[in-house]
N, C-alpha and C. Protein backbone atom coordinates (compact mmCIF):
# COMPACT_ATOMS: atom_id res chain seq x y z
N MET A 1 -43.75 0.52 -74.82
CA MET A 1 -44.13 1.10 -73.53
C MET A 1 -43.29 2.33 -73.25
N ASN A 2 -43.93 3.35 -72.75
CA ASN A 2 -43.23 4.56 -72.38
C ASN A 2 -42.76 4.40 -70.92
N HIS A 3 -41.51 4.01 -70.76
CA HIS A 3 -40.98 3.73 -69.43
C HIS A 3 -40.99 4.96 -68.53
N ASP A 4 -40.68 6.14 -69.09
CA ASP A 4 -40.69 7.36 -68.29
C ASP A 4 -42.08 7.65 -67.74
N ALA A 5 -43.09 7.46 -68.57
CA ALA A 5 -44.47 7.70 -68.14
C ALA A 5 -44.87 6.71 -67.05
N ILE A 6 -44.52 5.45 -67.23
CA ILE A 6 -44.86 4.43 -66.23
C ILE A 6 -44.20 4.75 -64.90
N ARG A 7 -42.92 5.10 -64.93
CA ARG A 7 -42.22 5.42 -63.68
C ARG A 7 -42.78 6.68 -63.01
N ALA A 8 -43.23 7.65 -63.81
CA ALA A 8 -43.81 8.87 -63.24
C ALA A 8 -45.19 8.60 -62.64
N LEU A 9 -45.99 7.79 -63.32
CA LEU A 9 -47.36 7.54 -62.87
C LEU A 9 -47.46 6.46 -61.81
N TYR A 10 -46.49 5.55 -61.80
CA TYR A 10 -46.50 4.41 -60.87
C TYR A 10 -45.16 4.33 -60.16
N PRO A 11 -44.97 5.13 -59.10
CA PRO A 11 -43.66 5.18 -58.43
C PRO A 11 -43.27 3.86 -57.76
N ASN A 12 -44.21 2.95 -57.57
CA ASN A 12 -43.89 1.67 -56.95
C ASN A 12 -43.28 0.68 -57.95
N VAL A 13 -43.29 1.00 -59.23
CA VAL A 13 -42.73 0.12 -60.25
C VAL A 13 -41.20 0.21 -60.20
N VAL A 14 -40.56 -0.96 -60.14
CA VAL A 14 -39.10 -1.00 -60.14
C VAL A 14 -38.55 -1.70 -61.38
N THR A 15 -39.35 -2.53 -62.04
CA THR A 15 -38.92 -3.26 -63.22
C THR A 15 -39.99 -3.16 -64.29
N ILE A 16 -39.54 -2.89 -65.52
CA ILE A 16 -40.46 -2.84 -66.65
C ILE A 16 -39.91 -3.75 -67.73
N ASP A 17 -40.75 -4.68 -68.16
CA ASP A 17 -40.39 -5.59 -69.25
C ASP A 17 -41.44 -5.39 -70.33
N ASP A 18 -41.00 -4.96 -71.50
CA ASP A 18 -41.96 -4.66 -72.57
C ASP A 18 -42.81 -5.87 -72.94
N GLY A 19 -42.31 -7.06 -72.71
CA GLY A 19 -43.06 -8.26 -73.07
C GLY A 19 -44.04 -8.73 -72.01
N THR A 20 -43.69 -8.50 -70.74
CA THR A 20 -44.54 -9.05 -69.68
C THR A 20 -45.20 -8.02 -68.79
N GLY A 21 -44.73 -6.79 -68.77
CA GLY A 21 -45.37 -5.76 -67.98
C GLY A 21 -44.46 -5.09 -66.98
N ALA A 22 -45.08 -4.47 -65.96
CA ALA A 22 -44.36 -3.73 -64.93
C ALA A 22 -44.54 -4.44 -63.59
N PHE A 23 -43.48 -4.36 -62.76
CA PHE A 23 -43.48 -5.09 -61.50
C PHE A 23 -42.96 -4.22 -60.37
N ASP A 24 -43.49 -4.48 -59.15
CA ASP A 24 -43.03 -3.75 -57.97
C ASP A 24 -41.82 -4.46 -57.37
N ALA A 25 -41.35 -3.99 -56.22
CA ALA A 25 -40.14 -4.52 -55.59
C ALA A 25 -40.30 -5.98 -55.15
N GLN A 26 -41.52 -6.41 -54.90
CA GLN A 26 -41.77 -7.79 -54.48
C GLN A 26 -42.00 -8.71 -55.67
N GLY A 27 -41.95 -8.19 -56.87
CA GLY A 27 -42.16 -8.99 -58.07
C GLY A 27 -43.62 -9.11 -58.48
N ASN A 28 -44.49 -8.39 -57.80
CA ASN A 28 -45.91 -8.41 -58.16
C ASN A 28 -46.14 -7.56 -59.39
N LYS A 29 -47.00 -8.05 -60.27
CA LYS A 29 -47.32 -7.30 -61.48
C LYS A 29 -48.18 -6.10 -61.12
N VAL A 30 -47.84 -4.95 -61.68
CA VAL A 30 -48.59 -3.71 -61.45
C VAL A 30 -49.44 -3.47 -62.69
N GLU A 31 -50.75 -3.32 -62.47
CA GLU A 31 -51.66 -3.06 -63.59
C GLU A 31 -51.46 -1.63 -64.06
N ILE A 32 -51.22 -1.48 -65.33
CA ILE A 32 -50.93 -0.18 -65.93
C ILE A 32 -52.12 0.27 -66.77
N ASP A 33 -52.52 1.53 -66.59
CA ASP A 33 -53.57 2.13 -67.41
C ASP A 33 -52.90 2.67 -68.68
N GLU A 34 -53.03 1.95 -69.78
CA GLU A 34 -52.37 2.32 -71.03
C GLU A 34 -52.81 3.69 -71.53
N ALA A 35 -54.08 4.04 -71.33
CA ALA A 35 -54.57 5.35 -71.77
C ALA A 35 -53.84 6.46 -71.02
N ALA A 36 -53.66 6.30 -69.72
CA ALA A 36 -52.94 7.30 -68.93
C ALA A 36 -51.48 7.39 -69.36
N VAL A 37 -50.88 6.25 -69.62
CA VAL A 37 -49.48 6.23 -70.06
C VAL A 37 -49.34 6.92 -71.42
N ASN A 38 -50.27 6.64 -72.31
CA ASN A 38 -50.19 7.21 -73.66
C ASN A 38 -50.47 8.71 -73.70
N THR A 39 -51.20 9.24 -72.73
CA THR A 39 -51.51 10.67 -72.73
C THR A 39 -50.56 11.47 -71.84
N TRP A 40 -49.68 10.79 -71.11
CA TRP A 40 -48.74 11.47 -70.22
C TRP A 40 -47.79 12.34 -71.03
N VAL A 41 -47.56 13.55 -70.54
CA VAL A 41 -46.63 14.47 -71.18
C VAL A 41 -45.49 14.73 -70.21
N ASP A 42 -44.28 14.52 -70.66
CA ASP A 42 -43.10 14.72 -69.82
C ASP A 42 -42.98 16.20 -69.45
N PRO A 43 -43.02 16.54 -68.16
CA PRO A 43 -42.94 17.95 -67.77
C PRO A 43 -41.56 18.55 -68.05
N ASN A 44 -40.57 17.72 -68.33
CA ASN A 44 -39.23 18.21 -68.62
C ASN A 44 -38.90 18.21 -70.11
N ALA A 45 -39.88 17.95 -70.96
CA ALA A 45 -39.63 17.86 -72.40
C ALA A 45 -39.03 19.14 -72.95
N TYR A 46 -39.47 20.30 -72.43
CA TYR A 46 -38.94 21.56 -72.94
C TYR A 46 -37.42 21.65 -72.74
N LYS A 47 -36.90 21.05 -71.67
CA LYS A 47 -35.46 21.09 -71.42
C LYS A 47 -34.69 20.36 -72.51
N TYR A 48 -35.18 19.20 -72.90
CA TYR A 48 -34.50 18.42 -73.94
C TYR A 48 -34.60 19.12 -75.29
N GLN A 49 -35.76 19.71 -75.57
CA GLN A 49 -35.94 20.42 -76.83
C GLN A 49 -35.03 21.64 -76.91
N ARG A 50 -34.95 22.38 -75.80
CA ARG A 50 -34.08 23.55 -75.78
C ARG A 50 -32.62 23.14 -75.96
N ALA A 51 -32.19 22.13 -75.22
CA ALA A 51 -30.79 21.71 -75.28
C ALA A 51 -30.40 21.31 -76.70
N ALA A 52 -31.31 20.68 -77.42
CA ALA A 52 -31.02 20.26 -78.78
C ALA A 52 -30.94 21.44 -79.75
N GLU A 53 -31.60 22.53 -79.42
CA GLU A 53 -31.68 23.65 -80.35
C GLU A 53 -30.74 24.82 -80.02
N TYR A 54 -30.25 24.89 -78.78
CA TYR A 54 -29.32 25.97 -78.46
C TYR A 54 -28.07 25.86 -79.34
N PRO A 55 -27.49 27.00 -79.71
CA PRO A 55 -26.22 26.94 -80.43
C PRO A 55 -25.14 26.31 -79.54
N SER A 56 -24.12 25.75 -80.18
CA SER A 56 -23.01 25.18 -79.40
C SER A 56 -22.36 26.31 -78.60
N PHE A 57 -21.58 25.94 -77.59
CA PHE A 57 -20.89 26.96 -76.78
C PHE A 57 -19.95 27.78 -77.67
N ALA A 58 -19.27 27.13 -78.60
CA ALA A 58 -18.37 27.87 -79.49
C ALA A 58 -19.14 28.90 -80.30
N ASP A 59 -20.31 28.52 -80.82
CA ASP A 59 -21.12 29.48 -81.58
C ASP A 59 -21.66 30.59 -80.69
N GLN A 60 -22.00 30.26 -79.45
CA GLN A 60 -22.48 31.29 -78.53
C GLN A 60 -21.37 32.29 -78.20
N PHE A 61 -20.15 31.79 -77.96
CA PHE A 61 -19.05 32.70 -77.67
C PHE A 61 -18.73 33.58 -78.88
N ASP A 62 -18.81 33.00 -80.07
CA ASP A 62 -18.58 33.76 -81.29
C ASP A 62 -19.64 34.85 -81.44
N LEU A 63 -20.87 34.50 -81.16
CA LEU A 63 -21.96 35.47 -81.23
C LEU A 63 -21.75 36.60 -80.21
N LEU A 64 -21.32 36.24 -79.01
CA LEU A 64 -21.04 37.26 -78.00
C LEU A 64 -19.93 38.20 -78.46
N TYR A 65 -18.88 37.63 -79.02
CA TYR A 65 -17.72 38.43 -79.44
C TYR A 65 -18.10 39.35 -80.59
N HIS A 66 -18.77 38.80 -81.60
CA HIS A 66 -19.05 39.59 -82.80
C HIS A 66 -20.35 40.39 -82.72
N GLY A 67 -21.35 39.87 -82.01
CA GLY A 67 -22.65 40.54 -81.98
C GLY A 67 -22.97 41.22 -80.67
N GLY A 68 -22.24 40.87 -79.63
CA GLY A 68 -22.48 41.46 -78.32
C GLY A 68 -23.55 40.71 -77.54
N TYR A 69 -23.73 41.19 -76.33
CA TYR A 69 -24.67 40.54 -75.40
C TYR A 69 -26.09 40.51 -75.93
N ASP A 70 -26.53 41.61 -76.53
CA ASP A 70 -27.92 41.68 -77.01
C ASP A 70 -28.19 40.66 -78.11
N ALA A 71 -27.24 40.44 -79.00
CA ALA A 71 -27.41 39.44 -80.07
C ALA A 71 -27.45 38.04 -79.48
N TRP A 72 -26.56 37.78 -78.51
CA TRP A 72 -26.54 36.46 -77.86
C TRP A 72 -27.86 36.22 -77.14
N LYS A 73 -28.31 37.24 -76.38
CA LYS A 73 -29.55 37.10 -75.62
C LYS A 73 -30.74 36.86 -76.55
N ALA A 74 -30.77 37.53 -77.69
CA ALA A 74 -31.86 37.35 -78.65
C ALA A 74 -31.88 35.92 -79.18
N ALA A 75 -30.72 35.36 -79.45
CA ALA A 75 -30.65 33.97 -79.95
C ALA A 75 -31.14 32.98 -78.89
N ILE A 76 -30.74 33.19 -77.66
CA ILE A 76 -31.16 32.30 -76.57
C ILE A 76 -32.66 32.48 -76.29
N ASP A 77 -33.11 33.72 -76.26
CA ASP A 77 -34.53 33.98 -76.01
C ASP A 77 -35.43 33.38 -77.09
N ALA A 78 -34.95 33.34 -78.33
CA ALA A 78 -35.74 32.76 -79.41
C ALA A 78 -36.01 31.28 -79.14
N VAL A 79 -35.01 30.57 -78.63
CA VAL A 79 -35.18 29.15 -78.32
C VAL A 79 -36.11 29.00 -77.12
N LYS A 80 -35.93 29.84 -76.11
CA LYS A 80 -36.79 29.77 -74.92
C LYS A 80 -38.23 30.09 -75.25
N THR A 81 -38.46 30.99 -76.19
CA THR A 81 -39.81 31.32 -76.61
C THR A 81 -40.43 30.17 -77.39
N LYS A 82 -39.62 29.53 -78.22
CA LYS A 82 -40.12 28.40 -79.02
C LYS A 82 -40.51 27.21 -78.15
N TYR A 83 -39.76 26.99 -77.06
CA TYR A 83 -40.03 25.87 -76.14
C TYR A 83 -40.20 26.40 -74.73
N PRO A 84 -41.35 26.99 -74.40
CA PRO A 84 -41.56 27.58 -73.07
C PRO A 84 -41.73 26.51 -71.99
N LYS A 85 -41.47 26.93 -70.77
CA LYS A 85 -41.78 26.06 -69.63
C LYS A 85 -43.29 25.94 -69.57
N GLU A 86 -43.76 24.76 -69.28
CA GLU A 86 -45.22 24.56 -69.24
C GLU A 86 -45.75 24.57 -67.85
């Protein structure tokens, strides 16, 4: 089960158990549309992808020192272009 998708699509869900389902605050089972959950796309996915691909701070400072601002900006812009905000 994609817990992030369930929490985004069903804000009343407070507990998710992969074996038994999703439940609200009163313990009532919440019926989940699996098709909707499976097609949900995390609107923040680009942030995680960018964070994983940006150079480390040490590498960025080294690039700034040796290549200047334009080289640093080009490296950062390349990652932002690869993973745009949607």
